[in-house]
C-alpha atoms as a PDB file:
ATOM      1  CA  UNK A   1     -82.281 -21.930 -13.685  1.00  0.00           C
ATOM      2  CA  UNK A   2     -81.337 -25.443 -13.579  1.00  0.00           C
ATOM      3  CA  UNK A   3     -79.281 -25.153 -16.731  1.00  0.00           C
ATOM      4  CA  UNK A   4     -76.310 -22.877 -15.414  1.00  0.00           C
ATOM      5  CA  UNK A   5     -75.310 -25.248 -12.799  1.00  0.00           C
ATOM      6  CA  UNK A   6     -75.420 -27.986 -15.620  1.00  0.00           C
ATOM      7  CA  UNK A   7     -73.919 -25.846 -18.041  1.00  0.00           C
ATOM      8  CA  UNK A   8     -71.070 -25.021 -15.538  1.00  0.00           C
ATOM      9  CA  UNK A   9     -70.600 -29.067 -14.834  1.00  0.00           C
ATOM     10  CA  UNK A  10     -70.223 -29.431 -18.282  1.00  0.00           C
ATOM     11  CA  UNK A  11     -67.790 -26.506 -19.207  1.00  0.00           C
ATOM     12  CA  UNK A  12     -65.979 -28.045 -15.970  1.00  0.00           C
ATOM     13  CA  UNK A  13     -65.821 -31.627 -17.212  1.00  0.00           C
ATOM     14  CA  UNK A  14     -64.418 -30.466 -21.140  1.00  0.00           C
ATOM     15  CA  UNK A  15     -61.738 -28.103 -19.213  1.00  0.00           C
ATOM     16  CA  UNK A  16     -60.313 -31.575 -17.306  1.00  0.00           C
ATOM     17  CA  UNK A  17     -60.243 -33.161 -20.559  1.00  0.00           C
ATOM     18  CA  UNK A  18     -58.629 -31.078 -21.956  1.00  0.00           C
ATOM     19  CA  UNK A  19     -56.404 -30.952 -18.759  1.00  0.00           C
ATOM     20  CA  UNK A  20     -55.665 -35.085 -19.630  1.00  0.00           C
ATOM     21  CA  UNK A  21     -55.175 -34.405 -23.315  1.00  0.00           C
ATOM     22  CA  UNK A  22     -52.418 -32.299 -22.435  1.00  0.00           C
ATOM     23  CA  UNK A  23     -50.818 -34.578 -20.064  1.00  0.00           C
ATOM     24  CA  UNK A  24     -50.667 -37.401 -22.442  1.00  0.00           C
ATOM     25  CA  UNK A  25     -48.152 -35.644 -24.465  1.00  0.00           C
ATOM     26  CA  UNK A  26     -44.487 -36.031 -22.629  1.00  0.00           C
ATOM     27  CA  UNK A  27     -43.132 -32.506 -22.358  1.00  0.00           C
ATOM     28  CA  UNK A  28     -46.700 -31.175 -21.744  1.00  0.00           C
ATOM     29  CA  UNK A  29     -48.542 -30.393 -18.452  1.00  0.00           C
ATOM     30  CA  UNK A  30     -52.510 -30.092 -17.474  1.00  0.00           C
ATOM     31  CA  UNK A  31     -51.729 -27.636 -15.349  1.00  0.00           C
ATOM     32  CA  UNK A  32     -50.842 -24.843 -18.087  1.00  0.00           C
ATOM     33  CA  UNK A  33     -54.515 -26.234 -19.208  1.00  0.00           C
ATOM     34  CA  UNK A  34     -55.654 -25.420 -15.673  1.00  0.00           C
ATOM     35  CA  UNK A  35     -54.248 -22.018 -15.729  1.00  0.00           C
ATOM     36  CA  UNK A  36     -55.562 -20.759 -19.029  1.00  0.00           C
ATOM     37  CA  UNK A  37     -59.034 -22.163 -18.136  1.00  0.00           C
ATOM     38  CA  UNK A  38     -59.032 -19.726 -15.298  1.00  0.00           C
ATOM     39  CA  UNK A  39     -59.073 -22.580 -12.558  1.00  0.00           C
ATOM     40  CA  UNK A  40     -55.475 -23.325 -11.483  1.00  0.00           C
ATOM     41  CA  UNK A  41     -56.179 -21.791  -7.876  1.00  0.00           C
ATOM     42  CA  UNK A  42     -59.158 -23.427  -7.405  1.00  0.00           C
ATOM     43  CA  UNK A  43     -57.705 -26.404  -8.334  1.00  0.00           C
ATOM     44  CA  UNK A  44     -54.488 -25.898  -5.599  1.00  0.00           C
ATOM     45  CA  UNK A  45     -56.592 -24.718  -3.053  1.00  0.00           C
ATOM     46  CA  UNK A  46     -59.405 -27.594  -3.420  1.00  0.00           C
ATOM     47  CA  UNK A  47     -56.580 -30.515  -3.280  1.00  0.00           C
ATOM     48  CA  UNK A  48     -54.509 -28.260  -0.818  1.00  0.00           C
ATOM     49  CA  UNK A  49     -57.623 -28.688   1.792  1.00  0.00           C
ATOM     50  CA  UNK A  50     -57.347 -32.302   1.798  1.00  0.00           C
ATOM     51  CA  UNK A  51     -55.803 -33.440   4.935  1.00  0.00           C
ATOM     52  CA  UNK A  52     -56.072 -34.510   8.525  1.00  0.00           C
ATOM     53  CA  UNK A  53     -58.471 -31.406   9.236  1.00  0.00           C
ATOM     54  CA  UNK A  54     -60.769 -33.396   6.459  1.00  0.00           C
ATOM     55  CA  UNK A  55     -60.878 -36.486   8.685  1.00  0.00           C
ATOM     56  CA  UNK A  56     -61.870 -34.439  11.713  1.00  0.00           C
ATOM     57  CA  UNK A  57     -65.042 -32.756   9.723  1.00  0.00           C
ATOM     58  CA  UNK A  58     -65.851 -36.211   8.591  1.00  0.00           C
ATOM     59  CA  UNK A  59     -65.583 -37.381  12.267  1.00  0.00           C
ATOM     60  CA  UNK A  60     -68.090 -34.348  13.542  1.00  0.00           C
ATOM     61  CA  UNK A  61     -70.153 -33.158  11.073  1.00  0.00           C
ATOM     62  CA  UNK A  62     -70.622 -36.437   8.527  1.00  0.00           C
ATOM     63  CA  UNK A  63     -69.384 -37.185   4.950  1.00  0.00           C
ATOM     64  CA  UNK A  64     -71.316 -34.515   3.519  1.00  0.00           C
ATOM     65  CA  UNK A  65     -69.503 -32.155   5.045  1.00  0.00           C
ATOM     66  CA  UNK A  66     -66.227 -33.254   4.415  1.00  0.00           C
ATOM     67  CA  UNK A  67     -67.066 -33.463   0.479  1.00  0.00           C
ATOM     68  CA  UNK A  68     -67.705 -30.411   0.745  1.00  0.00           C
ATOM     69  CA  UNK A  69     -64.576 -28.926   3.058  1.00  0.00           C
ATOM     70  CA  UNK A  70     -62.343 -30.062  -0.159  1.00  0.00           C
ATOM     71  CA  UNK A  71     -64.676 -28.952  -2.955  1.00  0.00           C
ATOM     72  CA  UNK A  72     -65.032 -32.547  -3.836  1.00  0.00           C
ATOM     73  CA  UNK A  73     -68.070 -32.007  -6.652  1.00  0.00           C
ATOM     74  CA  UNK A  74     -65.255 -29.480  -8.406  1.00  0.00           C
ATOM     75  CA  UNK A  75     -62.425 -32.310  -8.086  1.00  0.00           C
ATOM     76  CA  UNK A  76     -64.454 -35.064  -9.246  1.00  0.00           C
ATOM     77  CA  UNK A  77     -65.852 -33.241 -12.425  1.00  0.00           C
ATOM     78  CA  UNK A  78     -62.636 -32.178 -13.339  1.00  0.00           C
ATOM     79  CA  UNK A  79     -60.596 -35.624 -12.391  1.00  0.00           C
ATOM     80  CA  UNK A  80     -63.433 -37.099 -14.161  1.00  0.00           C
ATOM     81  CA  UNK A  81     -62.840 -35.143 -17.489  1.00  0.00           C
ATOM     82  CA  UNK A  82     -59.005 -35.851 -17.094  1.00  0.00           C
ATOM     83  CA  UNK A  83     -59.371 -39.958 -17.151  1.00  0.00           C
ATOM     84  CA  UNK A  84     -62.026 -39.711 -20.098  1.00  0.00           C
ATOM     85  CA  UNK A  85     -59.598 -38.215 -21.711  1.00  0.00           C
ATOM     86  CA  UNK A  86     -56.709 -40.407 -21.346  1.00  0.00           C
ATOM     87  CA  UNK A  87     -58.228 -42.847 -22.172  1.00  0.00           C
ATOM     88  CA  UNK A  88     -60.211 -42.264 -24.956  1.00  0.00           C
ATOM     89  CA  UNK A  89     -57.368 -39.812 -26.608  1.00  0.00           C
ATOM     90  CA  UNK A  90     -54.271 -41.766 -26.102  1.00  0.00           C
ATOM     91  CA  UNK A  91     -54.221 -43.322 -28.929  1.00  0.00           C
ATOM     92  CA  UNK A  92     -54.893 -40.501 -31.371  1.00  0.00           C
ATOM     93  CA  UNK A  93     -52.781 -38.542 -29.747  1.00  0.00           C
ATOM     94  CA  UNK A  94     -49.706 -41.016 -29.792  1.00  0.00           C
ATOM     95  CA  UNK A  95     -50.896 -41.771 -33.605  1.00  0.00           C
ATOM     96  CA  UNK A  96     -50.733 -37.695 -34.252  1.00  0.00           C
ATOM     97  CA  UNK A  97     -46.866 -38.163 -32.195  1.00  0.00           C
ATOM     98  CA  UNK A  98     -45.882 -40.592 -34.791  1.00  0.00           C
ATOM     99  CA  UNK A  99     -47.095 -39.444 -37.996  1.00  0.00           C
ATOM    100  CA  UNK A 100     -47.098 -35.604 -37.365  1.00  0.00           C
ATOM    101  CA  UNK A 101     -44.488 -34.172 -34.548  1.00  0.00           C
ATOM    102  CA  UNK A 102     -43.443 -31.078 -35.907  1.00  0.00           C
ATOM    103  CA  UNK A 103     -47.049 -29.686 -36.010  1.00  0.00           C
ATOM    104  CA  UNK A 104     -48.282 -31.328 -32.838  1.00  0.00           C
ATOM    105  CA  UNK A 105     -45.330 -29.473 -31.208  1.00  0.00           C
ATOM    106  CA  UNK A 106     -45.924 -26.580 -32.998  1.00  0.00           C
ATOM    107  CA  UNK A 107     -49.081 -26.165 -31.924  1.00  0.00           C
ATOM    108  CA  UNK A 108     -48.273 -26.883 -28.089  1.00  0.00           C
ATOM    109  CA  UNK A 109     -45.387 -24.388 -28.877  1.00  0.00           C
ATOM    110  CA  UNK A 110     -47.560 -21.642 -29.760  1.00  0.00           C
ATOM    111  CA  UNK A 111     -50.063 -22.773 -26.785  1.00  0.00           C
ATOM    112  CA  UNK A 112     -47.342 -22.443 -24.088  1.00  0.00           C
ATOM    113  CA  UNK A 113     -45.823 -19.410 -25.351  1.00  0.00           C
ATOM    114  CA  UNK A 114     -49.073 -17.291 -25.409  1.00  0.00           C
ATOM    115  CA  UNK A 115     -50.010 -19.179 -21.417  1.00  0.00           C
ATOM    116  CA  UNK A 116     -46.713 -18.093 -20.638  1.00  0.00           C
ATOM    117  CA  UNK A 117     -47.587 -14.569 -21.358  1.00  0.00           C
ATOM    118  CA  UNK A 118     -51.182 -15.083 -20.168  1.00  0.00           C
ATOM    119  CA  UNK A 119     -50.103 -15.640 -16.704  1.00  0.00           C
ATOM    120  CA  UNK A 120     -47.141 -12.918 -16.885  1.00  0.00           C
ATOM    121  CA  UNK A 121     -50.141 -10.694 -17.697  1.00  0.00           C
ATOM    122  CA  UNK A 122     -51.711 -11.629 -14.059  1.00  0.00           C
ATOM    123  CA  UNK A 123     -49.070  -9.727 -12.375  1.00  0.00           C
ATOM    124  CA  UNK A 124     -50.225  -6.407 -11.403  1.00  0.00           C
ATOM    125  CA  UNK A 125     -46.447  -4.930 -11.322  1.00  0.00           C
ATOM    126  CA  UNK A 126     -43.238  -6.996 -12.321  1.00  0.00           C
ATOM    127  CA  UNK A 127     -40.086  -5.816 -10.397  1.00  0.00           C
ATOM    128  CA  UNK A 128     -36.518  -7.308  -9.623  1.00  0.00           C
ATOM    129  CA  UNK A 129     -38.100  -9.803  -7.084  1.00  0.00           C
ATOM    130  CA  UNK A 130     -40.346 -11.053  -9.769  1.00  0.00           C
ATOM    131  CA  UNK A 131     -38.046 -10.987 -12.352  1.00  0.00           C
ATOM    132  CA  UNK A 132     -35.754 -13.159 -10.359  1.00  0.00           C
ATOM    133  CA  UNK A 133     -38.422 -15.758  -9.735  1.00  0.00           C
ATOM    134  CA  UNK A 134     -39.123 -15.461 -13.546  1.00  0.00           C
ATOM    135  CA  UNK A 135     -35.688 -16.074 -14.258  1.00  0.00           C
ATOM    136  CA  UNK A 136     -35.389 -18.905 -11.572  1.00  0.00           C
ATOM    137  CA  UNK A 137     -38.120 -20.785 -13.128  1.00  0.00           C
ATOM    138  CA  UNK A 138     -37.069 -20.837 -16.902  1.00  0.00           C
ATOM    139  CA  UNK A 139     -33.376 -21.727 -15.848  1.00  0.00           C
ATOM    140  CA  UNK A 140     -34.811 -24.783 -13.495  1.00  0.00           C
ATOM    141  CA  UNK A 141     -37.082 -25.636 -16.031  1.00  0.00           C
ATOM    142  CA  UNK A 142     -34.646 -25.896 -18.918  1.00  0.00           C
ATOM    143  CA  UNK A 143     -32.452 -27.444 -17.276  1.00  0.00           C
ATOM    144  CA  UNK A 144     -34.810 -30.574 -16.335  1.00  0.00           C
ATOM    145  CA  UNK A 145     -35.441 -30.785 -20.040  1.00  0.00           C
ATOM    146  CA  UNK A 146     -31.651 -30.901 -20.699  1.00  0.00           C
ATOM    147  CA  UNK A 147     -31.266 -33.773 -18.656  1.00  0.00           C
ATOM    148  CA  UNK A 148     -30.504 -37.343 -19.820  1.00  0.00           C
ATOM    149  CA  UNK A 149     -32.392 -40.279 -18.412  1.00  0.00           C
ATOM    150  CA  UNK A 150     -31.384 -42.074 -15.635  1.00  0.00           C
ATOM    151  CA  UNK A 151     -32.506 -45.892 -15.039  1.00  0.00           C
ATOM    152  CA  UNK A 152     -33.049 -46.255 -11.457  1.00  0.00           C
ATOM    153  CA  UNK A 153     -33.696 -49.734 -10.174  1.00  0.00           C
ATOM    154  CA  UNK A 154     -36.737 -50.906  -9.811  1.00  0.00           C
ATOM    155  CA  UNK A 155     -37.662 -51.144  -5.470  1.00  0.00           C
ATOM    156  CA  UNK A 156     -40.990 -50.347  -3.362  1.00  0.00           C
ATOM    157  CA  UNK A 157     -38.900 -46.873  -2.170  1.00  0.00           C
ATOM    158  CA  UNK A 158     -38.245 -45.622  -6.083  1.00  0.00           C
ATOM    159  CA  UNK A 159     -41.390 -46.691  -7.020  1.00  0.00           C
ATOM    160  CA  UNK A 160     -43.227 -44.734  -4.422  1.00  0.00           C
ATOM    161  CA  UNK A 161     -40.809 -41.880  -4.948  1.00  0.00           C
ATOM    162  CA  UNK A 162     -41.584 -41.874  -8.599  1.00  0.00           C
ATOM    163  CA  UNK A 163     -44.839 -41.469  -8.324  1.00  0.00           C
ATOM    164  CA  UNK A 164     -44.538 -38.643  -5.593  1.00  0.00           C
ATOM    165  CA  UNK A 165     -41.748 -36.475  -7.994  1.00  0.00           C
ATOM    166  CA  UNK A 166     -43.857 -37.285 -11.286  1.00  0.00           C
ATOM    167  CA  UNK A 167     -47.420 -36.043  -9.993  1.00  0.00           C
ATOM    168  CA  UNK A 168     -45.852 -33.090  -8.896  1.00  0.00           C
ATOM    169  CA  UNK A 169     -45.901 -31.827 -12.786  1.00  0.00           C
ATOM    170  CA  UNK A 170     -49.434 -32.167 -12.764  1.00  0.00           C
ATOM    171  CA  UNK A 171     -49.932 -29.021 -11.269  1.00  0.00           C
ATOM    172  CA  UNK A 172     -46.966 -27.236 -12.172  1.00  0.00           C
ATOM    173  CA  UNK A 173     -47.590 -26.085 -15.585  1.00  0.00           C
ATOM    174  CA  UNK A 174     -44.449 -26.664 -18.327  1.00  0.00           C
ATOM    175  CA  UNK A 175     -43.535 -29.582 -16.752  1.00  0.00           C
ATOM    176  CA  UNK A 176     -44.711 -32.821 -17.658  1.00  0.00           C
ATOM    177  CA  UNK A 177     -45.244 -36.104 -15.296  1.00  0.00           C
ATOM    178  CA  UNK A 178     -44.439 -38.513 -18.157  1.00  0.00           C
ATOM    179  CA  UNK A 179     -41.368 -36.860 -19.145  1.00  0.00           C
ATOM    180  CA  UNK A 180     -40.463 -36.878 -15.466  1.00  0.00           C
ATOM    181  CA  UNK A 181     -40.805 -40.527 -15.395  1.00  0.00           C
ATOM    182  CA  UNK A 182     -38.209 -41.264 -18.652  1.00  0.00           C
ATOM    183  CA  UNK A 183     -36.075 -39.236 -16.934  1.00  0.00           C
ATOM    184  CA  UNK A 184     -36.412 -41.074 -13.305  1.00  0.00           C
ATOM    185  CA  UNK A 185     -35.573 -44.291 -15.734  1.00  0.00           C
ATOM    186  CA  UNK A 186     -39.340 -45.242 -14.450  1.00  0.00           C
ATOM    187  CA  UNK A 187     -41.640 -44.527 -16.898  1.00  0.00           C
ATOM    188  CA  UNK A 188     -41.223 -48.255 -18.618  1.00  0.00           C
ATOM    189  CA  UNK A 189     -42.018 -49.671 -15.233  1.00  0.00           C
ATOM    190  CA  UNK A 190     -45.362 -47.780 -14.285  1.00  0.00           C
ATOM    191  CA  UNK A 191     -46.076 -48.646 -18.068  1.00  0.00           C
ATOM    192  CA  UNK A 192     -45.529 -52.076 -17.786  1.00  0.00           C
ATOM    193  CA  UNK A 193     -47.810 -52.087 -13.848  1.00  0.00           C
ATOM    194  CA  UNK A 194     -50.556 -51.026 -15.379  1.00  0.00           C
ATOM    195  CA  UNK A 195     -50.646 -53.569 -18.682  1.00  0.00           C
ATOM    196  CA  UNK A 196     -49.417 -56.685 -16.242  1.00  0.00           C
ATOM    197  CA  UNK A 197     -52.277 -55.099 -13.715  1.00  0.00           C
ATOM    198  CA  UNK A 198     -49.166 -55.641 -10.819  1.00  0.00           C
ATOM    199  CA  UNK A 199     -51.892 -54.182  -8.054  1.00  0.00           C
ATOM    200  CA  UNK A 200     -48.639 -54.382  -5.557  1.00  0.00           C
ATOM    201  CA  UNK A 201     -46.571 -51.912  -7.695  1.00  0.00           C
ATOM    202  CA  UNK A 202     -49.493 -50.023  -8.802  1.00  0.00           C
ATOM    203  CA  UNK A 203     -50.465 -49.636  -5.222  1.00  0.00           C
ATOM    204  CA  UNK A 204     -46.988 -48.181  -3.890  1.00  0.00           C
ATOM    205  CA  UNK A 205     -47.096 -45.670  -7.473  1.00  0.00           C
ATOM    206  CA  UNK A 206     -50.195 -44.580  -6.146  1.00  0.00           C
ATOM    207  CA  UNK A 207     -49.350 -43.838  -2.657  1.00  0.00           C
ATOM    208  CA  UNK A 208     -46.671 -41.923  -3.851  1.00  0.00           C
ATOM    209  CA  UNK A 209     -49.111 -39.879  -5.996  1.00  0.00           C
ATOM    210  CA  UNK A 210     -51.288 -38.978  -3.380  1.00  0.00           C
ATOM    211  CA  UNK A 211     -49.023 -38.269  -0.607  1.00  0.00           C
ATOM    212  CA  UNK A 212     -46.980 -35.955  -3.385  1.00  0.00           C
ATOM    213  CA  UNK A 213     -50.145 -34.245  -4.649  1.00  0.00           C
ATOM    214  CA  UNK A 214     -51.421 -33.401  -1.287  1.00  0.00           C
ATOM    215  CA  UNK A 215     -47.990 -32.365   0.408  1.00  0.00           C
ATOM    216  CA  UNK A 216     -47.138 -30.049  -2.913  1.00  0.00           C
ATOM    217  CA  UNK A 217     -50.683 -28.473  -3.479  1.00  0.00           C
ATOM    218  CA  UNK A 218     -50.565 -27.702  -0.052  1.00  0.00           C
ATOM    219  CA  UNK A 219     -47.285 -25.671  -0.235  1.00  0.00           C
ATOM    220  CA  UNK A 220     -48.003 -24.258  -3.450  1.00  0.00           C
ATOM    221  CA  UNK A 221     -51.352 -22.672  -2.485  1.00  0.00           C
ATOM    222  CA  UNK A 222     -49.691 -21.249   0.633  1.00  0.00           C
ATOM    223  CA  UNK A 223     -47.242 -19.729  -1.801  1.00  0.00           C
ATOM    224  CA  UNK A 224     -50.007 -18.381  -3.978  1.00  0.00           C
ATOM    225  CA  UNK A 225     -51.662 -16.775  -1.474  1.00  0.00           C
ATOM    226  CA  UNK A 226     -48.721 -15.441   0.573  1.00  0.00           C
ATOM    227  CA  UNK A 227     -46.543 -14.787  -2.531  1.00  0.00           C
ATOM    228  CA  UNK A 228     -48.816 -14.478  -5.139  1.00  0.00           C
ATOM    229  CA  UNK A 229     -46.943 -12.067  -7.764  1.00  0.00           C
ATOM    230  CA  UNK A 230     -43.741 -13.891  -7.008  1.00  0.00           C
ATOM    231  CA  UNK A 231     -45.429 -17.437  -7.507  1.00  0.00           C
ATOM    232  CA  UNK A 232     -47.126 -16.722 -10.713  1.00  0.00           C
ATOM    233  CA  UNK A 233     -43.444 -15.384 -12.246  1.00  0.00           C
ATOM    234  CA  UNK A 234     -41.964 -18.654 -11.208  1.00  0.00           C
ATOM    235  CA  UNK A 235     -44.913 -20.271 -12.888  1.00  0.00           C
ATOM    236  CA  UNK A 236     -44.546 -18.596 -15.761  1.00  0.00           C
ATOM    237  CA  UNK A 237     -40.678 -18.564 -15.427  1.00  0.00           C
ATOM    238  CA  UNK A 238     -41.132 -22.635 -15.653  1.00  0.00           C
ATOM    239  CA  UNK A 239     -43.457 -22.481 -18.885  1.00  0.00           C
ATOM    240  CA  UNK A 240     -40.563 -20.686 -20.570  1.00  0.00           C
ATOM    241  CA  UNK A 241     -38.231 -22.704 -19.487  1.00  0.00           C
ATOM    242  CA  UNK A 242     -40.106 -25.757 -21.008  1.00  0.00           C
ATOM    243  CA  UNK A 243     -40.520 -24.603 -24.514  1.00  0.00           C
ATOM    244  CA  UNK A 244     -37.121 -26.204 -25.352  1.00  0.00           C
ATOM    245  CA  UNK A 245     -38.713 -29.516 -24.977  1.00  0.00           C
ATOM    246  CA  UNK A 246     -41.759 -28.592 -27.479  1.00  0.00           C
ATOM    247  CA  UNK A 247     -39.590 -26.789 -29.963  1.00  0.00           C
ATOM    248  CA  UNK A 248     -40.915 -28.272 -33.315  1.00  0.00           C
ATOM    249  CA  UNK A 249     -37.783 -29.099 -34.990  1.00  0.00           C
ATOM    250  CA  UNK A 250     -35.795 -32.108 -33.349  1.00  0.00           C
ATOM    251  CA  UNK A 251     -33.065 -34.073 -34.660  1.00  0.00           C
ATOM    252  CA  UNK A 252     -33.048 -37.619 -32.526  1.00  0.00           C
ATOM    253  CA  UNK A 253     -30.189 -39.115 -30.837  1.00  0.00           C
ATOM    254  CA  UNK A 254     -31.789 -42.021 -29.032  1.00  0.00           C
ATOM    255  CA  UNK A 255     -34.746 -43.742 -28.952  1.00  0.00           C
ATOM    256  CA  UNK A 256     -36.621 -46.125 -26.340  1.00  0.00           C
ATOM    257  CA  UNK A 257     -39.121 -49.232 -27.005  1.00  0.00           C
ATOM    258  CA  UNK A 258     -42.605 -47.227 -25.952  1.00  0.00           C
ATOM    259  CA  UNK A 259     -45.177 -49.798 -24.515  1.00  0.00           C
ATOM    260  CA  UNK A 260     -46.361 -50.988 -27.986  1.00  0.00           C
ATOM    261  CA  UNK A 261     -43.336 -52.463 -28.946  1.00  0.00           C
ATOM    262  CA  UNK A 262     -42.255 -48.386 -30.894  1.00  0.00           C
ATOM    263  CA  UNK A 263     -39.396 -46.828 -31.170  1.00  0.00           C
ATOM    264  CA  UNK A 264     -39.870 -43.504 -30.076  1.00  0.00           C
ATOM    265  CA  UNK A 265     -37.296 -40.679 -29.683  1.00  0.00           C
ATOM    266  CA  UNK A 266     -35.744 -40.245 -25.761  1.00  0.00           C
ATOM    267  CA  UNK A 267     -32.592 -37.739 -26.709  1.00  0.00           C
ATOM    268  CA  UNK A 268     -33.144 -35.075 -28.879  1.00  0.00           C
ATOM    269  CA  UNK A 269     -31.403 -32.140 -30.078  1.00  0.00           C
ATOM    270  CA  UNK A 270     -33.186 -29.165 -31.230  1.00  0.00           C
ATOM    271  CA  UNK A 271     -32.471 -27.602 -34.666  1.00  0.00           C
ATOM    272  CA  UNK A 272     -33.771 -24.462 -36.909  1.00  0.00           C
ATOM    273  CA  UNK A 273     -35.973 -25.383 -39.891  1.00  0.00           C
ATOM    274  CA  UNK A 274     -33.293 -25.081 -42.369  1.00  0.00           C
ATOM    275  CA  UNK A 275     -30.732 -27.356 -40.754  1.00  0.00           C
ATOM    276  CA  UNK A 276     -33.535 -29.932 -39.683  1.00  0.00           C
ATOM    277  CA  UNK A 277     -34.595 -30.054 -43.454  1.00  0.00           C
ATOM    278  CA  UNK A 278     -30.374 -30.181 -44.191  1.00  0.00           C
ATOM    279  CA  UNK A 279     -29.711 -32.876 -41.634  1.00  0.00           C
ATOM    280  CA  UNK A 280     -32.980 -35.294 -41.839  1.00  0.00           C
ATOM    281  CA  UNK A 281     -34.178 -34.417 -45.552  1.00  0.00           C
ATOM    282  CA  UNK A 282     -37.659 -34.237 -44.284  1.00  0.00           C
ATOM    283  CA  UNK A 283     -40.230 -31.199 -45.010  1.00  0.00           C
ATOM    284  CA  UNK A 284     -39.717 -28.614 -42.076  1.00  0.00           C
ATOM    285  CA  UNK A 285     -43.540 -27.342 -42.750  1.00  0.00           C
ATOM    286  CA  UNK A 286     -42.762 -24.310 -41.532  1.00  0.00           C
ATOM    287  CA  UNK A 287     -45.788 -22.455 -42.903  1.00  0.00           C
ATOM    288  CA  UNK A 288     -48.410 -25.259 -41.528  1.00  0.00           C
ATOM    289  CA  UNK A 289     -46.137 -25.362 -38.029  1.00  0.00           C
ATOM    290  CA  UNK A 290     -46.551 -21.229 -37.582  1.00  0.00           C
ATOM    291  CA  UNK A 291     -50.012 -21.290 -38.549  1.00  0.00           C
ATOM    292  CA  UNK A 292     -50.537 -23.790 -36.114  1.00  0.00           C
ATOM    293  CA  UNK A 293     -48.473 -22.148 -33.739  1.00  0.00           C
ATOM    294  CA  UNK A 294     -51.356 -18.900 -34.265  1.00  0.00           C
ATOM    295  CA  UNK A 295     -53.848 -21.072 -33.995  1.00  0.00           C
ATOM    296  CA  UNK A 296     -52.787 -22.103 -30.298  1.00  0.00           C
ATOM    297  CA  UNK A 297     -51.822 -18.558 -29.320  1.00  0.00           C
ATOM    298  CA  UNK A 298     -55.296 -17.829 -30.875  1.00  0.00           C
ATOM    299  CA  UNK A 299     -57.087 -20.492 -28.669  1.00  0.00           C
ATOM    300  CA  UNK A 300     -55.626 -19.319 -25.569  1.00  0.00           C
ATOM    301  CA  UNK A 301     -56.814 -15.938 -26.191  1.00  0.00           C
ATOM    302  CA  UNK A 302     -60.406 -17.461 -26.415  1.00  0.00           C
ATOM    303  CA  UNK A 303     -60.272 -19.502 -23.902  1.00  0.00           C
ATOM    304  CA  UNK A 304     -58.603 -16.559 -21.295  1.00  0.00           C
ATOM    305  CA  UNK A 305     -62.095 -14.710 -22.782  1.00  0.00           C
ATOM    306  CA  UNK A 306     -64.149 -17.498 -21.702  1.00  0.00           C
ATOM    307  CA  UNK A 307     -62.657 -17.601 -18.462  1.00  0.00           C
ATOM    308  CA  UNK A 308     -63.111 -14.255 -17.915  1.00  0.00           C
ATOM    309  CA  UNK A 309     -65.862 -13.551 -14.384  1.00  0.00           C
ATOM    310  CA  UNK A 310     -68.421 -11.173 -15.771  1.00  0.00           C
ATOM    311  CA  UNK A 311     -67.989  -9.349 -12.894  1.00  0.00           C
ATOM    312  CA  UNK A 312     -64.087  -8.892 -13.332  1.00  0.00           C
ATOM    313  CA  UNK A 313     -63.854 -10.421  -9.449  1.00  0.00           C
ATOM    314  CA  UNK A 314     -60.654 -12.664 -10.397  1.00  0.00           C
ATOM    315  CA  UNK A 315     -59.318 -14.937 -12.572  1.00  0.00           C
ATOM    316  CA  UNK A 316     -59.508 -18.302 -10.629  1.00  0.00           C
ATOM    317  CA  UNK A 317     -63.381 -19.315 -10.484  1.00  0.00           C
ATOM    318  CA  UNK A 318     -64.525 -21.709 -12.805  1.00  0.00           C
END
């Protein structure tokens, strides 16, 4: 019997690693992976449970009760997986983005599209309200992907606000926190603070992240419990709208310098494969890209099957 909790813990850690791998790619959200692995609502509820009541439980019942009040073991294993992935896979995924961008984007395009279908299937009955929520979510996400990056001044307030806004993307499927930082013009500042061990700036950014995450997940948890179908429709729309960002065939219009001093794309325009080949002179790798899209869709189906509760009780169990 001891092997069953161990197996569940290892599986949860691996789900965290998958979320971290997705978060590394600008335009892809770990929230997408949380959804298709069946832990999204549990993740939102667990983070949202952290608050003033946690302090009350700590004072009245002790640290063990406080830890269990917000599902501490679940969050610890999940975030350990996320951090492990960020520190071990960053170079690999960055290299793939440099050397095989079309193939990597094609895989994530298929993953997000299949995930949107998966989430949409969780809605028992579609109607006018859910349809409007779907269109609204798609419009918001699409609009975000078309925004031009701004250059905010580096101040304690902008650093704090950047953290509080970007962290929300962690739990929003289809929206990337790193992409939000790029839009705000704060990506280079945050990376510079990490590389330069600027603890003051990192503390401000982290404080913004913590506050934004606690407030946003509390709101999202309330919406999921009170307007479940509408919220799922909105999140499905977010994922569909974000497909604009991960379209595999792009023409680079402007570039930026990343943390390694390399020129990487900033503003890009989506192209059809034939147009891409004509304008860039590069092989669109159409067959390989479609194959990877189908592989990603098959992976979503596999993860959906693995995450399906044996008792059929619900989709939010890990």
